[in-house]
PDB file of N, CA and C in Angstrom:
ATOM      1  N   UNK A   1     -29.171 -73.449   0.473  1.00  0.00           N
ATOM      2  CA  UNK A   1     -28.168 -74.614  -0.246  1.00  0.00           C
ATOM      3  C   UNK A   1     -27.547 -74.109  -1.247  1.00  0.00           C
ATOM      4  N   UNK A   2     -27.565 -72.394  -1.871  1.00  0.00           N
ATOM      5  CA  UNK A   2     -27.272 -72.253  -2.923  1.00  0.00           C
ATOM      6  C   UNK A   2     -26.066 -70.949  -2.198  1.00  0.00           C
ATOM      7  N   UNK A   3     -26.247 -70.581  -0.727  1.00  0.00           N
ATOM      8  CA  UNK A   3     -25.155 -69.662   0.003  1.00  0.00           C
ATOM      9  C   UNK A   3     -24.323 -70.547   0.109  1.00  0.00           C
ATOM     10  N   UNK A   4     -24.231 -71.711   0.637  1.00  0.00           N
ATOM     11  CA  UNK A   4     -23.221 -73.039   1.338  1.00  0.00           C
ATOM     12  C   UNK A   4     -22.608 -73.463  -0.171  1.00  0.00           C
ATOM     13  N   UNK A   5     -23.455 -73.406  -1.160  1.00  0.00           N
ATOM     14  CA  UNK A   5     -22.258 -74.053  -3.174  1.00  0.00           C
ATOM     15  C   UNK A   5     -21.540 -72.172  -2.712  1.00  0.00           C
ATOM     16  N   UNK A   6     -22.253 -71.347  -2.860  1.00  0.00           N
ATOM     17  CA  UNK A   6     -21.611 -70.313  -3.285  1.00  0.00           C
ATOM     18  C   UNK A   6     -20.259 -69.809  -2.393  1.00  0.00           C
ATOM     19  N   UNK A   7     -20.451 -69.840  -1.004  1.00  0.00           N
ATOM     20  CA  UNK A   7     -19.017 -70.231  -0.216  1.00  0.00           C
ATOM     21  C   UNK A   7     -17.998 -71.016  -0.211  1.00  0.00           C
ATOM     22  N   UNK A   8     -18.613 -72.302  -0.585  1.00  0.00           N
ATOM     23  CA  UNK A   8     -17.758 -73.554  -0.870  1.00  0.00           C
ATOM     24  C   UNK A   8     -16.556 -73.393  -2.803  1.00  0.00           C
ATOM     25  N   UNK A   9     -17.591 -72.255  -2.900  1.00  0.00           N
ATOM     26  CA  UNK A   9     -16.756 -72.028  -4.532  1.00  0.00           C
ATOM     27  C   UNK A   9     -15.975 -71.002  -4.398  1.00  0.00           C
ATOM     28  N   UNK A  10     -16.135 -69.949  -3.457  1.00  0.00           N
ATOM     29  CA  UNK A  10     -15.133 -68.809  -2.984  1.00  0.00           C
ATOM     30  C   UNK A  10     -14.003 -69.513  -2.029  1.00  0.00           C
ATOM     31  N   UNK A  11     -14.872 -69.914  -1.464  1.00  0.00           N
ATOM     32  CA  UNK A  11     -13.362 -70.993  -0.970  1.00  0.00           C
ATOM     33  C   UNK A  11     -12.386 -71.330  -1.610  1.00  0.00           C
ATOM     34  N   UNK A  12     -12.479 -72.157  -2.573  1.00  0.00           N
ATOM     35  CA  UNK A  12     -11.623 -72.759  -3.784  1.00  0.00           C
ATOM     36  C   UNK A  12     -10.960 -72.108  -4.580  1.00  0.00           C
ATOM     37  N   UNK A  13     -11.715 -70.778  -5.104  1.00  0.00           N
ATOM     38  CA  UNK A  13     -11.122 -69.944  -5.719  1.00  0.00           C
ATOM     39  C   UNK A  13     -10.058 -69.346  -5.291  1.00  0.00           C
ATOM     40  N   UNK A  14     -10.067 -68.828  -3.399  1.00  0.00           N
ATOM     41  CA  UNK A  14      -9.035 -68.291  -2.947  1.00  0.00           C
ATOM     42  C   UNK A  14      -8.265 -69.224  -2.643  1.00  0.00           C
ATOM     43  N   UNK A  15      -8.668 -70.513  -2.467  1.00  0.00           N
ATOM     44  CA  UNK A  15      -6.982 -71.395  -2.026  1.00  0.00           C
ATOM     45  C   UNK A  15      -6.607 -71.647  -3.143  1.00  0.00           C
ATOM     46  N   UNK A  16      -7.147 -71.897  -4.391  1.00  0.00           N
ATOM     47  CA  UNK A  16      -5.966 -71.616  -6.018  1.00  0.00           C
ATOM     48  C   UNK A  16      -4.993 -70.396  -6.242  1.00  0.00           C
ATOM     49  N   UNK A  17      -5.707 -69.465  -5.599  1.00  0.00           N
ATOM     50  CA  UNK A  17      -5.013 -68.280  -5.856  1.00  0.00           C
ATOM     51  C   UNK A  17      -3.910 -67.857  -4.722  1.00  0.00           C
ATOM     52  N   UNK A  18      -3.506 -68.880  -3.969  1.00  0.00           N
ATOM     53  CA  UNK A  18      -2.679 -68.821  -2.913  1.00  0.00           C
ATOM     54  C   UNK A  18      -1.340 -69.775  -3.921  1.00  0.00           C
ATOM     55  N   UNK A  19      -1.589 -70.724  -4.844  1.00  0.00           N
ATOM     56  CA  UNK A  19      -0.827 -71.537  -5.467  1.00  0.00           C
ATOM     57  C   UNK A  19      -0.063 -71.071  -6.661  1.00  0.00           C
ATOM     58  N   UNK A  20       1.061 -70.314  -6.542  1.00  0.00           N
ATOM     59  CA  UNK A  20       1.228 -69.386  -7.739  1.00  0.00           C
ATOM     60  C   UNK A  20       2.445 -69.977  -7.780  1.00  0.00           C
ATOM     61  N   UNK A  21       2.769 -70.194  -9.201  1.00  0.00           N
ATOM     62  CA  UNK A  21       4.367 -70.923  -9.414  1.00  0.00           C
ATOM     63  C   UNK A  21       4.639 -69.479 -10.009  1.00  0.00           C
ATOM     64  N   UNK A  22       6.205 -69.586  -9.316  1.00  0.00           N
ATOM     65  CA  UNK A  22       6.837 -68.362  -9.884  1.00  0.00           C
ATOM     66  C   UNK A  22       8.222 -69.404 -10.443  1.00  0.00           C
ATOM     67  N   UNK A  23       8.550 -68.572 -11.822  1.00  0.00           N
ATOM     68  CA  UNK A  23       9.831 -69.773 -12.305  1.00  0.00           C
ATOM     69  C   UNK A  23      10.678 -68.972 -11.352  1.00  0.00           C
ATOM     70  N   UNK A  24      12.140 -69.747 -11.794  1.00  0.00           N
ATOM     71  CA  UNK A  24      13.362 -68.799 -11.326  1.00  0.00           C
ATOM     72  C   UNK A  24      13.821 -69.128 -12.617  1.00  0.00           C
ATOM     73  N   UNK A  25      14.410 -67.447 -12.773  1.00  0.00           N
ATOM     74  CA  UNK A  25      14.681 -66.564 -14.270  1.00  0.00           C
ATOM     75  C   UNK A  25      16.349 -66.440 -14.205  1.00  0.00           C
ATOM     76  N   UNK A  26      16.428 -67.208 -15.294  1.00  0.00           N
ATOM     77  CA  UNK A  26      18.468 -67.298 -15.601  1.00  0.00           C
ATOM     78  C   UNK A  26      18.521 -66.363 -17.040  1.00  0.00           C
ATOM     79  N   UNK A  27      19.153 -65.164 -17.012  1.00  0.00           N
ATOM     80  CA  UNK A  27      19.743 -65.037 -18.140  1.00  0.00           C
ATOM     81  C   UNK A  27      21.380 -64.371 -18.046  1.00  0.00           C
ATOM     82  N   UNK A  28      21.641 -64.779 -19.453  1.00  0.00           N
ATOM     83  CA  UNK A  28      23.236 -64.245 -19.760  1.00  0.00           C
ATOM     84  C   UNK A  28      23.962 -65.030 -19.472  1.00  0.00           C
ATOM     85  N   UNK A  29      25.494 -65.499 -19.414  1.00  0.00           N
ATOM     86  CA  UNK A  29      26.113 -66.285 -19.517  1.00  0.00           C
ATOM     87  C   UNK A  29      26.874 -66.708 -17.895  1.00  0.00           C
ATOM     88  N   UNK A  30      26.457 -68.056 -17.641  1.00  0.00           N
ATOM     89  CA  UNK A  30      26.615 -68.250 -16.107  1.00  0.00           C
ATOM     90  C   UNK A  30      28.088 -68.369 -15.719  1.00  0.00           C
ATOM     91  N   UNK A  31      28.607 -67.299 -14.980  1.00  0.00           N
ATOM     92  CA  UNK A  31      29.886 -66.743 -14.565  1.00  0.00           C
ATOM     93  C   UNK A  31      30.255 -68.011 -13.393  1.00  0.00           C
ATOM     94  N   UNK A  32      31.139 -69.324 -13.791  1.00  0.00           N
ATOM     95  CA  UNK A  32      31.781 -70.113 -12.521  1.00  0.00           C
ATOM     96  C   UNK A  32      32.860 -69.678 -12.160  1.00  0.00           C
ATOM     97  N   UNK A  33      33.375 -69.777 -11.090  1.00  0.00           N
ATOM     98  CA  UNK A  33      34.817 -68.803 -10.723  1.00  0.00           C
ATOM     99  C   UNK A  33      35.715 -69.585 -11.155  1.00  0.00           C
ATOM    100  N   UNK A  34      35.308 -70.998 -11.151  1.00  0.00           N
ATOM    101  CA  UNK A  34      36.443 -72.372 -11.483  1.00  0.00           C
ATOM    102  C   UNK A  34      37.214 -71.259 -13.236  1.00  0.00           C
ATOM    103  N   UNK A  35      35.694 -71.113 -13.772  1.00  0.00           N
ATOM    104  CA  UNK A  35      36.462 -71.125 -15.141  1.00  0.00           C
ATOM    105  C   UNK A  35      37.014 -69.637 -15.500  1.00  0.00           C
ATOM    106  N   UNK A  36      36.427 -68.634 -14.645  1.00  0.00           N
ATOM    107  CA  UNK A  36      36.966 -67.058 -14.459  1.00  0.00           C
ATOM    108  C   UNK A  36      38.291 -67.317 -13.927  1.00  0.00           C
ATOM    109  N   UNK A  37      38.937 -67.736 -12.760  1.00  0.00           N
ATOM    110  CA  UNK A  37      40.054 -68.197 -12.688  1.00  0.00           C
ATOM    111  C   UNK A  37      41.471 -68.731 -13.818  1.00  0.00           C
ATOM    112  N   UNK A  38      40.637 -68.897 -15.012  1.00  0.00           N
ATOM    113  CA  UNK A  38      41.527 -69.110 -15.868  1.00  0.00           C
ATOM    114  C   UNK A  38      41.821 -68.262 -16.386  1.00  0.00           C
ATOM    115  N   UNK A  39      40.996 -66.748 -16.614  1.00  0.00           N
ATOM    116  CA  UNK A  39      41.268 -65.377 -17.835  1.00  0.00           C
ATOM    117  C   UNK A  39      42.435 -64.993 -17.310  1.00  0.00           C
ATOM    118  N   UNK A  40      43.122 -64.471 -17.900  1.00  0.00           N
ATOM    119  CA  UNK A  40      44.650 -64.300 -17.469  1.00  0.00           C
ATOM    120  C   UNK A  40      45.102 -62.622 -18.655  1.00  0.00           C
ATOM    121  N   UNK A  41      45.525 -61.860 -18.362  1.00  0.00           N
ATOM    122  CA  UNK A  41      45.997 -60.759 -19.303  1.00  0.00           C
ATOM    123  C   UNK A  41      46.795 -61.235 -20.297  1.00  0.00           C
ATOM    124  N   UNK A  42      46.524 -61.030 -21.862  1.00  0.00           N
ATOM    125  CA  UNK A  42      47.385 -61.683 -22.176  1.00  0.00           C
ATOM    126  C   UNK A  42      46.947 -62.640 -23.542  1.00  0.00           C
ATOM    127  N   UNK A  43      45.654 -63.205 -23.236  1.00  0.00           N
ATOM    128  CA  UNK A  43      44.893 -64.095 -23.827  1.00  0.00           C
ATOM    129  C   UNK A  43      43.958 -63.543 -24.755  1.00  0.00           C
ATOM    130  N   UNK A  44      44.183 -64.617 -26.102  1.00  0.00           N
ATOM    131  CA  UNK A  44      43.441 -64.183 -27.343  1.00  0.00           C
ATOM    132  C   UNK A  44      42.123 -64.496 -27.014  1.00  0.00           C
ATOM    133  N   UNK A  45      41.159 -63.271 -27.946  1.00  0.00           N
ATOM    134  CA  UNK A  45      39.887 -63.448 -28.069  1.00  0.00           C
ATOM    135  C   UNK A  45      39.039 -64.756 -28.212  1.00  0.00           C
ATOM    136  N   UNK A  46      39.918 -65.786 -28.861  1.00  0.00           N
ATOM    137  CA  UNK A  46      39.497 -67.415 -29.216  1.00  0.00           C
ATOM    138  C   UNK A  46      40.093 -68.180 -28.116  1.00  0.00           C
ATOM    139  N   UNK A  47      40.986 -67.860 -27.333  1.00  0.00           N
ATOM    140  CA  UNK A  47      40.993 -68.239 -26.349  1.00  0.00           C
ATOM    141  C   UNK A  47      39.774 -68.321 -25.036  1.00  0.00           C
ATOM    142  N   UNK A  48      39.399 -66.742 -24.870  1.00  0.00           N
ATOM    143  CA  UNK A  48      38.589 -66.613 -23.641  1.00  0.00           C
ATOM    144  C   UNK A  48      37.293 -67.161 -24.405  1.00  0.00           C
ATOM    145  N   UNK A  49      36.774 -67.015 -25.319  1.00  0.00           N
ATOM    146  CA  UNK A  49      35.264 -67.682 -26.089  1.00  0.00           C
ATOM    147  C   UNK A  49      35.361 -69.014 -25.883  1.00  0.00           C
ATOM    148  N   UNK A  50      37.144 -70.015 -26.033  1.00  0.00           N
ATOM    149  CA  UNK A  50      36.606 -71.316 -25.485  1.00  0.00           C
ATOM    150  C   UNK A  50      36.335 -71.587 -24.348  1.00  0.00           C
ATOM    151  N   UNK A  51      37.085 -70.921 -23.007  1.00  0.00           N
ATOM    152  CA  UNK A  51      37.162 -71.111 -21.868  1.00  0.00           C
ATOM    153  C   UNK A  51      35.280 -70.273 -21.416  1.00  0.00           C
ATOM    154  N   UNK A  52      34.832 -69.450 -21.364  1.00  0.00           N
ATOM    155  CA  UNK A  52      33.604 -68.448 -20.905  1.00  0.00           C
ATOM    156  C   UNK A  52      32.775 -68.546 -22.309  1.00  0.00           C
ATOM    157  N   UNK A  53      32.829 -68.779 -23.215  1.00  0.00           N
ATOM    158  CA  UNK A  53      31.601 -68.562 -24.078  1.00  0.00           C
ATOM    159  C   UNK A  53      31.849 -67.972 -24.587  1.00  0.00           C
ATOM    160  N   UNK A  54      30.775 -67.567 -25.792  1.00  0.00           N
ATOM    161  CA  UNK A  54      30.433 -65.515 -25.949  1.00  0.00           C
ATOM    162  C   UNK A  54      30.278 -64.949 -25.098  1.00  0.00           C
ATOM    163  N   UNK A  55      30.090 -63.975 -25.574  1.00  0.00           N
ATOM    164  CA  UNK A  55      29.858 -62.829 -24.491  1.00  0.00           C
ATOM    165  C   UNK A  55      28.663 -62.169 -24.918  1.00  0.00           C
ATOM    166  N   UNK A  56      27.499 -62.283 -23.819  1.00  0.00           N
ATOM    167  CA  UNK A  56      26.145 -61.691 -23.575  1.00  0.00           C
ATOM    168  C   UNK A  56      26.146 -60.733 -24.611  1.00  0.00           C
ATOM    169  N   UNK A  57      26.905 -59.892 -24.015  1.00  0.00           N
ATOM    170  CA  UNK A  57      26.373 -58.656 -24.489  1.00  0.00           C
ATOM    171  C   UNK A  57      27.783 -58.454 -25.814  1.00  0.00           C
ATOM    172  N   UNK A  58      27.759 -58.512 -27.009  1.00  0.00           N
ATOM    173  CA  UNK A  58      28.655 -57.846 -27.848  1.00  0.00           C
ATOM    174  C   UNK A  58      28.414 -56.839 -28.398  1.00  0.00           C
ATOM    175  N   UNK A  59      29.099 -55.638 -28.649  1.00  0.00           N
ATOM    176  CA  UNK A  59      28.230 -54.503 -29.351  1.00  0.00           C
ATOM    177  C   UNK A  59      29.170 -54.664 -30.830  1.00  0.00           C
ATOM    178  N   UNK A  60      28.535 -54.099 -31.858  1.00  0.00           N
ATOM    179  CA  UNK A  60      29.999 -53.423 -32.951  1.00  0.00           C
ATOM    180  C   UNK A  60      30.400 -52.160 -33.102  1.00  0.00           C
ATOM    181  N   UNK A  61      29.889 -51.377 -31.851  1.00  0.00           N
ATOM    182  CA  UNK A  61      30.942 -50.254 -31.897  1.00  0.00           C
ATOM    183  C   UNK A  61      32.292 -50.143 -30.823  1.00  0.00           C
ATOM    184  N   UNK A  62      32.200 -51.210 -30.373  1.00  0.00           N
ATOM    185  CA  UNK A  62      33.286 -51.114 -29.742  1.00  0.00           C
ATOM    186  C   UNK A  62      34.081 -52.946 -29.453  1.00  0.00           C
ATOM    187  N   UNK A  63      34.495 -53.393 -30.556  1.00  0.00           N
ATOM    188  CA  UNK A  63      34.416 -55.159 -30.116  1.00  0.00           C
ATOM    189  C   UNK A  63      36.045 -55.304 -29.526  1.00  0.00           C
ATOM    190  N   UNK A  64      36.667 -54.044 -28.809  1.00  0.00           N
ATOM    191  CA  UNK A  64      37.758 -54.344 -27.904  1.00  0.00           C
ATOM    192  C   UNK A  64      36.819 -54.451 -26.756  1.00  0.00           C
ATOM    193  N   UNK A  65      35.442 -54.330 -26.319  1.00  0.00           N
ATOM    194  CA  UNK A  65      35.090 -54.608 -24.838  1.00  0.00           C
ATOM    195  C   UNK A  65      34.118 -55.671 -25.031  1.00  0.00           C
ATOM    196  N   UNK A  66      34.561 -56.003 -24.132  1.00  0.00           N
ATOM    197  CA  UNK A  66      33.058 -58.134 -24.218  1.00  0.00           C
ATOM    198  C   UNK A  66      32.757 -57.823 -22.958  1.00  0.00           C
ATOM    199  N   UNK A  67      31.470 -58.233 -22.756  1.00  0.00           N
ATOM    200  CA  UNK A  67      30.677 -57.857 -21.779  1.00  0.00           C
ATOM    201  C   UNK A  67      29.981 -59.349 -21.262  1.00  0.00           C
ATOM    202  N   UNK A  68      30.164 -60.039 -20.069  1.00  0.00           N
ATOM    203  CA  UNK A  68      29.682 -61.157 -19.932  1.00  0.00           C
ATOM    204  C   UNK A  68      28.714 -61.098 -18.392  1.00  0.00           C
ATOM    205  N   UNK A  69      27.413 -60.868 -18.672  1.00  0.00           N
ATOM    206  CA  UNK A  69      26.739 -60.649 -18.017  1.00  0.00           C
ATOM    207  C   UNK A  69      25.631 -62.315 -17.201  1.00  0.00           C
ATOM    208  N   UNK A  70      25.188 -61.877 -15.897  1.00  0.00           N
ATOM    209  CA  UNK A  70      24.613 -63.541 -15.519  1.00  0.00           C
ATOM    210  C   UNK A  70      24.059 -62.216 -14.511  1.00  0.00           C
ATOM    211  N   UNK A  71      22.184 -63.095 -14.842  1.00  0.00           N
ATOM    212  CA  UNK A  71      21.218 -62.353 -13.725  1.00  0.00           C
ATOM    213  C   UNK A  71      20.356 -63.373 -13.517  1.00  0.00           C
ATOM    214  N   UNK A  72      20.219 -63.249 -12.294  1.00  0.00           N
ATOM    215  CA  UNK A  72      19.156 -64.913 -11.848  1.00  0.00           C
ATOM    216  C   UNK A  72      18.102 -64.374 -10.788  1.00  0.00           C
ATOM    217  N   UNK A  73      16.700 -64.425 -11.033  1.00  0.00           N
ATOM    218  CA  UNK A  73      15.938 -64.218  -9.647  1.00  0.00           C
ATOM    219  C   UNK A  73      15.259 -65.757  -9.447  1.00  0.00           C
ATOM    220  N   UNK A  74      15.721 -66.346  -8.309  1.00  0.00           N
ATOM    221  CA  UNK A  74      15.015 -67.584  -8.053  1.00  0.00           C
ATOM    222  C   UNK A  74      13.988 -67.500  -7.099  1.00  0.00           C
ATOM    223  N   UNK A  75      13.116 -68.783  -7.550  1.00  0.00           N
ATOM    224  CA  UNK A  75      11.884 -68.510  -6.960  1.00  0.00           C
ATOM    225  C   UNK A  75      11.830 -68.574  -5.680  1.00  0.00           C
ATOM    226  N   UNK A  76      12.528 -68.429  -4.755  1.00  0.00           N
ATOM    227  CA  UNK A  76      12.894 -68.001  -3.394  1.00  0.00           C
ATOM    228  C   UNK A  76      13.979 -67.830  -3.361  1.00  0.00           C
ATOM    229  N   UNK A  77      14.636 -66.788  -2.581  1.00  0.00           N
ATOM    230  CA  UNK A  77      16.053 -66.649  -2.151  1.00  0.00           C
ATOM    231  C   UNK A  77      16.219 -65.126  -2.904  1.00  0.00           C
ATOM    232  N   UNK A  78      17.578 -64.458  -2.751  1.00  0.00           N
ATOM    233  CA  UNK A  78      17.586 -63.433  -3.223  1.00  0.00           C
ATOM    234  C   UNK A  78      18.118 -63.691  -4.466  1.00  0.00           C
ATOM    235  N   UNK A  79      17.803 -62.269  -5.383  1.00  0.00           N
ATOM    236  CA  UNK A  79      18.605 -62.540  -6.645  1.00  0.00           C
ATOM    237  C   UNK A  79      20.125 -62.330  -6.860  1.00  0.00           C
ATOM    238  N   UNK A  80      20.664 -62.581  -8.274  1.00  0.00           N
ATOM    239  CA  UNK A  80      22.401 -63.293  -7.800  1.00  0.00           C
ATOM    240  C   UNK A  80      22.502 -62.591  -9.731  1.00  0.00           C
ATOM    241  N   UNK A  81      23.552 -61.382  -9.635  1.00  0.00           N
ATOM    242  CA  UNK A  81      23.948 -60.285 -10.528  1.00  0.00           C
ATOM    243  C   UNK A  81      25.567 -60.303 -10.592  1.00  0.00           C
ATOM    244  N   UNK A  82      25.703 -60.892 -11.724  1.00  0.00           N
ATOM    245  CA  UNK A  82      27.202 -61.038 -12.158  1.00  0.00           C
ATOM    246  C   UNK A  82      27.549 -60.331 -13.583  1.00  0.00           C
ATOM    247  N   UNK A  83      28.873 -59.652 -13.285  1.00  0.00           N
ATOM    248  CA  UNK A  83      29.286 -59.650 -14.469  1.00  0.00           C
ATOM    249  C   UNK A  83      30.988 -59.054 -14.704  1.00  0.00           C
ATOM    250  N   UNK A  84      31.215 -59.489 -15.684  1.00  0.00           N
ATOM    251  CA  UNK A  84      32.665 -58.932 -15.979  1.00  0.00           C
ATOM    252  C   UNK A  84      32.754 -58.793 -17.248  1.00  0.00           C
ATOM    253  N   UNK A  85      33.603 -57.933 -17.251  1.00  0.00           N
ATOM    254  CA  UNK A  85      33.700 -56.622 -18.358  1.00  0.00           C
ATOM    255  C   UNK A  85      34.947 -56.655 -19.053  1.00  0.00           C
ATOM    256  N   UNK A  86      35.692 -57.044 -19.832  1.00  0.00           N
ATOM    257  CA  UNK A  86      36.946 -57.568 -20.555  1.00  0.00           C
ATOM    258  C   UNK A  86      37.120 -56.352 -21.535  1.00  0.00           C
ATOM    259  N   UNK A  87      38.711 -55.957 -21.402  1.00  0.00           N
ATOM    260  CA  UNK A  87      38.683 -54.866 -22.147  1.00  0.00           C
ATOM    261  C   UNK A  87      40.087 -55.662 -23.086  1.00  0.00           C
ATOM    262  N   UNK A  88      40.032 -55.424 -24.989  1.00  0.00           N
ATOM    263  CA  UNK A  88      40.893 -55.989 -25.145  1.00  0.00           C
ATOM    264  C   UNK A  88      42.163 -54.566 -25.718  1.00  0.00           C
ATOM    265  N   UNK A  89      42.767 -55.283 -25.908  1.00  0.00           N
ATOM    266  CA  UNK A  89      43.970 -54.463 -27.339  1.00  0.00           C
ATOM    267  C   UNK A  89      43.896 -55.035 -28.463  1.00  0.00           C
ATOM    268  N   UNK A  90      43.696 -55.283 -29.438  1.00  0.00           N
ATOM    269  CA  UNK A  90      43.280 -56.249 -30.627  1.00  0.00           C
ATOM    270  C   UNK A  90      42.613 -57.026 -30.396  1.00  0.00           C
ATOM    271  N   UNK A  91      43.663 -58.249 -30.389  1.00  0.00           N
ATOM    272  CA  UNK A  91      43.243 -59.714 -30.155  1.00  0.00           C
ATOM    273  C   UNK A  91      43.348 -59.881 -28.788  1.00  0.00           C
ATOM    274  N   UNK A  92      44.307 -59.158 -28.271  1.00  0.00           N
ATOM    275  CA  UNK A  92      44.745 -59.625 -26.866  1.00  0.00           C
ATOM    276  C   UNK A  92      44.296 -59.153 -25.443  1.00  0.00           C
ATOM    277  N   UNK A  93      43.701 -59.913 -24.463  1.00  0.00           N
ATOM    278  CA  UNK A  93      43.271 -59.104 -23.313  1.00  0.00           C
ATOM    279  C   UNK A  93      44.115 -57.716 -22.828  1.00  0.00           C
ATOM    280  N   UNK A  94      43.816 -56.646 -22.320  1.00  0.00           N
ATOM    281  CA  UNK A  94      44.145 -55.981 -21.429  1.00  0.00           C
ATOM    282  C   UNK A  94      43.958 -55.751 -20.602  1.00  0.00           C
ATOM    283  N   UNK A  95      42.966 -55.686 -19.862  1.00  0.00           N
ATOM    284  CA  UNK A  95      42.667 -55.638 -18.658  1.00  0.00           C
ATOM    285  C   UNK A  95      40.884 -56.195 -18.295  1.00  0.00           C
ATOM    286  N   UNK A  96      40.690 -56.092 -16.913  1.00  0.00           N
ATOM    287  CA  UNK A  96      39.058 -56.717 -17.002  1.00  0.00           C
ATOM    288  C   UNK A  96      38.699 -56.455 -15.571  1.00  0.00           C
ATOM    289  N   UNK A  97      37.490 -56.012 -15.616  1.00  0.00           N
ATOM    290  CA  UNK A  97      36.368 -55.568 -14.354  1.00  0.00           C
ATOM    291  C   UNK A  97      35.341 -56.143 -14.122  1.00  0.00           C
ATOM    292  N   UNK A  98      34.865 -55.654 -13.056  1.00  0.00           N
ATOM    293  CA  UNK A  98      33.537 -56.347 -12.773  1.00  0.00           C
ATOM    294  C   UNK A  98      33.331 -56.963 -11.231  1.00  0.00           C
ATOM    295  N   UNK A  99      31.974 -57.544 -11.178  1.00  0.00           N
ATOM    296  CA  UNK A  99      31.814 -57.833  -9.778  1.00  0.00           C
ATOM    297  C   UNK A  99      32.036 -59.161  -9.693  1.00  0.00           C
ATOM    298  N   UNK A 100      33.081 -60.543 -10.584  1.00  0.00           N
ATOM    299  CA  UNK A 100      33.595 -61.324 -10.347  1.00  0.00           C
ATOM    300  C   UNK A 100      34.906 -61.349 -11.430  1.00  0.00           C
ATOM    301  N   UNK A 101      35.821 -61.431 -10.742  1.00  0.00           N
ATOM    302  CA  UNK A 101      37.513 -61.915 -11.631  1.00  0.00           C
ATOM    303  C   UNK A 101      37.629 -62.785 -10.608  1.00  0.00           C
ATOM    304  N   UNK A 102      39.380 -62.974 -11.577  1.00  0.00           N
ATOM    305  CA  UNK A 102      39.798 -64.530 -11.371  1.00  0.00           C
ATOM    306  C   UNK A 102      40.830 -63.802  -9.632  1.00  0.00           C
ATOM    307  N   UNK A 103      40.438 -65.524  -9.186  1.00  0.00           N
ATOM    308  CA  UNK A 103      41.386 -65.090  -7.358  1.00  0.00           C
ATOM    309  C   UNK A 103      42.072 -65.018  -7.558  1.00  0.00           C
ATOM    310  N   UNK A 104      42.976 -64.426  -7.106  1.00  0.00           N
ATOM    311  CA  UNK A 104      44.533 -64.650  -7.273  1.00  0.00           C
ATOM    312  C   UNK A 104      45.423 -65.050  -6.133  1.00  0.00           C
ATOM    313  N   UNK A 105      46.179 -66.074  -6.410  1.00  0.00           N
ATOM    314  CA  UNK A 105      47.199 -67.319  -6.324  1.00  0.00           C
ATOM    315  C   UNK A 105      47.566 -66.666  -5.132  1.00  0.00           C
ATOM    316  N   UNK A 106      47.874 -67.491  -3.751  1.00  0.00           N
ATOM    317  CA  UNK A 106      48.741 -66.840  -2.749  1.00  0.00           C
ATOM    318  C   UNK A 106      50.044 -67.797  -2.775  1.00  0.00           C
TER     319      UNK A 106
END
């Protein structure tokens, strides 16, 4: 009787251990292509903040470079990483680089 109880208890624990919840983890600025398409050289910092929000990483060392970073690890599927780095000359956007950029109009 004792062995049956222990076997049933062991079976319950092994079944419960298979039910582990793994949450989706998101960090940074969610970058939508439609919003990034609105960014153009010559825009001011205020205009870009209005469209994309404040940058995820903003250092006091170089306020002429803004970093928009996005990282997502879903509970299933592949992870997603995006970054958009904006370079300013004073208050005006000079150039941009990264894994997501405005799509060119043809």
